[in-house]
C-alpha atoms as a PDB file:
ATOM      1  CA  ARG A   1     102.804  92.679  84.369  1.00  0.00           C
ATOM      2  CA  SER A   2     104.566  89.859  82.577  1.00  0.00           C
ATOM      3  CA  ALA A   3     102.822  90.555  79.274  1.00  0.00           C
ATOM      4  CA  MET A   4     103.895  94.193  78.799  1.00  0.00           C
ATOM      5  CA  HIS A   5     107.564  94.689  77.947  1.00  0.00           C
ATOM      6  CA  ASP A   6     108.075  97.729  80.210  1.00  0.00           C
ATOM      7  CA  THR A   7     106.608  96.142  83.333  1.00  0.00           C
ATOM      8  CA  TRP A   8     108.240  92.781  82.504  1.00  0.00           C
ATOM      9  CA  THR A   9     111.630  94.511  82.357  1.00  0.00           C
ATOM     10  CA  LYS A  10     111.058  96.365  85.633  1.00  0.00           C
ATOM     11  CA  MET A  11     109.913  93.211  87.421  1.00  0.00           C
ATOM     12  CA  LEU A  12     112.948  91.223  86.248  1.00  0.00           C
ATOM     13  CA  LEU A  13     115.189  94.056  87.471  1.00  0.00           C
ATOM     14  CA  CYS A  14     113.241  94.024  90.741  1.00  0.00           C
ATOM     15  CA  ILE A  15     113.703  90.275  91.179  1.00  0.00           C
ATOM     16  CA  MET A  16     117.420  90.543  90.388  1.00  0.00           C
ATOM     17  CA  ASP A  17     117.924  93.475  92.780  1.00  0.00           C
ATOM     18  CA  ILE A  18     116.156  91.645  95.617  1.00  0.00           C
ATOM     19  CA  CYS A  19     118.107  88.457  94.949  1.00  0.00           C
ATOM     20  CA  ARG A  20     121.460  90.251  94.935  1.00  0.00           C
ATOM     21  CA  ALA A  21     120.611  92.208  98.092  1.00  0.00           C
ATOM     22  CA  ASN A  22     119.634  88.986  99.900  1.00  0.00           C
ATOM     23  CA  ASP A  23     122.478  86.761  98.642  1.00  0.00           C
ATOM     24  CA  VAL A  24     120.164  84.512  96.637  1.00  0.00           C
ATOM     25  CA  GLU A  25     122.134  82.316  94.250  1.00  0.00           C
ATOM     26  CA  ARG A  26     122.053  83.436  90.636  1.00  0.00           C
ATOM     27  CA  ARG A  27     120.573  80.079  89.566  1.00  0.00           C
ATOM     28  CA  GLU A  28     117.621  80.541  91.963  1.00  0.00           C
ATOM     29  CA  CYS A  29     117.208  84.131  90.826  1.00  0.00           C
ATOM     30  CA  ALA A  30     117.142  82.964  87.209  1.00  0.00           C
ATOM     31  CA  ASN A  31     114.482  80.382  88.101  1.00  0.00           C
ATOM     32  CA  LEU A  32     112.286  83.110  89.619  1.00  0.00           C
ATOM     33  CA  CYS A  33     112.728  85.306  86.537  1.00  0.00           C
ATOM     34  CA  HIS A  34     111.858  82.421  84.220  1.00  0.00           C
ATOM     35  CA  GLN A  35     108.774  81.529  86.292  1.00  0.00           C
ATOM     36  CA  PHE A  36     107.546  85.118  86.187  1.00  0.00           C
ATOM     37  CA  SER A  37     108.194  85.343  82.449  1.00  0.00           C
ATOM     38  CA  GLU A  38     106.299  82.123  81.758  1.00  0.00           C
ATOM     39  CA  LEU A  39     103.117  83.733  83.105  1.00  0.00           C
ATOM     40  CA  SER A  40     102.733  85.751  79.921  1.00  0.00           C
ATOM     41  CA  GLY A  41     103.421  82.975  77.443  1.00  0.00           C
ATOM     42  CA  ILE A  42     105.212  85.611  75.365  1.00  0.00           C
ATOM     43  CA  HIS A  43     108.799  85.586  76.594  1.00  0.00           C
ATOM     44  CA  ARG A  44     110.968  82.680  75.471  1.00  0.00           C
ATOM     45  CA  GLY A  45     113.544  81.087  77.745  1.00  0.00           C
ATOM     46  CA  HIS A  46     116.484  82.258  75.642  1.00  0.00           C
ATOM     47  CA  GLU A  47     115.142  85.849  75.708  1.00  0.00           C
ATOM     48  CA  VAL A  48     114.875  85.759  79.499  1.00  0.00           C
ATOM     49  CA  GLN A  49     118.340  84.237  79.837  1.00  0.00           C
ATOM     50  CA  ALA A  50     119.844  86.860  77.511  1.00  0.00           C
ATOM     51  CA  PHE A  51     118.256  89.620  79.614  1.00  0.00           C
ATOM     52  CA  LEU A  52     119.647  88.057  82.804  1.00  0.00           C
ATOM     53  CA  ASP A  53     123.125  87.669  81.319  1.00  0.00           C
ATOM     54  CA  GLN A  54     123.151  91.260  80.123  1.00  0.00           C
ATOM     55  CA  ASN A  55     121.723  92.869  83.277  1.00  0.00           C
ATOM     56  CA  TYR A  56     122.470  90.677  86.303  1.00  0.00           C
ATOM     57  CA  HIS A  57     125.690  92.414  87.372  1.00  0.00           C
ATOM     58  CA  THR A  58     124.737  95.898  86.189  1.00  0.00           C
ATOM     59  CA  GLN A  59     124.661  98.422  88.986  1.00  0.00           C
ATOM     60  CA  ARG A  60     121.810 100.891  88.496  1.00  0.00           C
ATOM     61  CA  GLU A  61     121.156 104.231  90.114  1.00  0.00           C
ATOM     62  CA  GLN A  62     117.483 103.348  90.449  1.00  0.00           C
ATOM     63  CA  SER A  63     116.755 100.037  92.103  1.00  0.00           C
ATOM     64  CA  TYR A  64     113.507  98.151  91.698  1.00  0.00           C
ATOM     65  CA  GLY A  65     113.730  96.273  94.988  1.00  0.00           C
ATOM     66  CA  TRP A  66     111.234  95.575  97.754  1.00  0.00           C
ATOM     67  CA  THR A  67     109.502  98.954  97.462  1.00  0.00           C
ATOM     68  CA  TYR A  68     108.648  98.373  93.807  1.00  0.00           C
ATOM     69  CA  LEU A  69     107.495  94.818  94.519  1.00  0.00           C
ATOM     70  CA  HIS A  70     105.206  96.027  97.321  1.00  0.00           C
ATOM     71  CA  GLU A  71     103.770  98.755  95.069  1.00  0.00           C
ATOM     72  CA  CYS A  72     103.013  96.151  92.396  1.00  0.00           C
ATOM     73  CA  LEU A  73     101.399  93.824  94.929  1.00  0.00           C
ATOM     74  CA  LYS A  74      99.246  96.637  96.247  1.00  0.00           C
ATOM     75  CA  ASP A  75      98.154  97.673  92.733  1.00  0.00           C
ATOM     76  CA  ASP A  76      97.482  94.115  91.575  1.00  0.00           C
ATOM     77  CA  ASP A  77      95.800  92.640  94.657  1.00  0.00           C
ATOM     78  CA  GLU A  78      95.336  94.930  97.638  1.00  0.00           C
ATOM     79  CA  GLY A  79      93.842  92.153  99.785  1.00  0.00           C
ATOM     80  CA  TYR A  80      96.915  89.952  99.319  1.00  0.00           C
ATOM     81  CA  TYR A  81      99.159  92.977  99.864  1.00  0.00           C
ATOM     82  CA  ASN A  82      97.476  93.639 103.226  1.00  0.00           C
ATOM     83  CA  ILE A  83      98.044  90.011 104.286  1.00  0.00           C
ATOM     84  CA  ILE A  84     101.737  90.245 103.368  1.00  0.00           C
ATOM     85  CA  LYS A  85     102.023  93.588 105.140  1.00  0.00           C
ATOM     86  CA  LYS A  86     100.523  92.146 108.343  1.00  0.00           C
ATOM     87  CA  MET A  87     102.828  89.102 108.188  1.00  0.00           C
ATOM     88  CA  THR A  88     105.864  91.348 107.745  1.00  0.00           C
ATOM     89  CA  LEU A  89     104.757  93.573 110.634  1.00  0.00           C
ATOM     90  CA  LYS A  90     104.266  90.549 112.934  1.00  0.00           C
ATOM     91  CA  LYS A  91     107.689  89.162 111.981  1.00  0.00           C
ATOM     92  CA  THR A  92     109.326  92.534 112.615  1.00  0.00           C
ATOM     93  CA  CYS A  93     107.596  92.931 115.987  1.00  0.00           C
ATOM     94  CA  CYS A  94     108.570  89.390 117.046  1.00  0.00           C
ATOM     95  CA  THR A  95     112.176  90.031 116.031  1.00  0.00           C
ATOM     96  CA  LEU A  96     112.251  93.243 118.056  1.00  0.00           C
ATOM     97  CA  LEU A  97     110.699  91.603 121.114  1.00  0.00           C
ATOM     98  CA  TYR A  98     112.903  88.529 121.122  1.00  0.00           C
END
């Protein structure tokens, strides 16, 4: 996903949306975006930073939050997705019970 411009863009928007929704500091959000971008070896740090600066505070009608991230996980590695899904379900059940 990090190598294709369209999916790279959507994933950075996804990371930013999740970070904003969960009060993650912008610096930490930027670190996550840079780490993801480094996977491709294509995107330079200044390109990533420019994208963050231009889009971080932009409110969009369509969000690429948790739902998009889960869809990507399921498409990329269904086994890992199922592990994450089970962990989330257990955490939710424990929260409801206690």
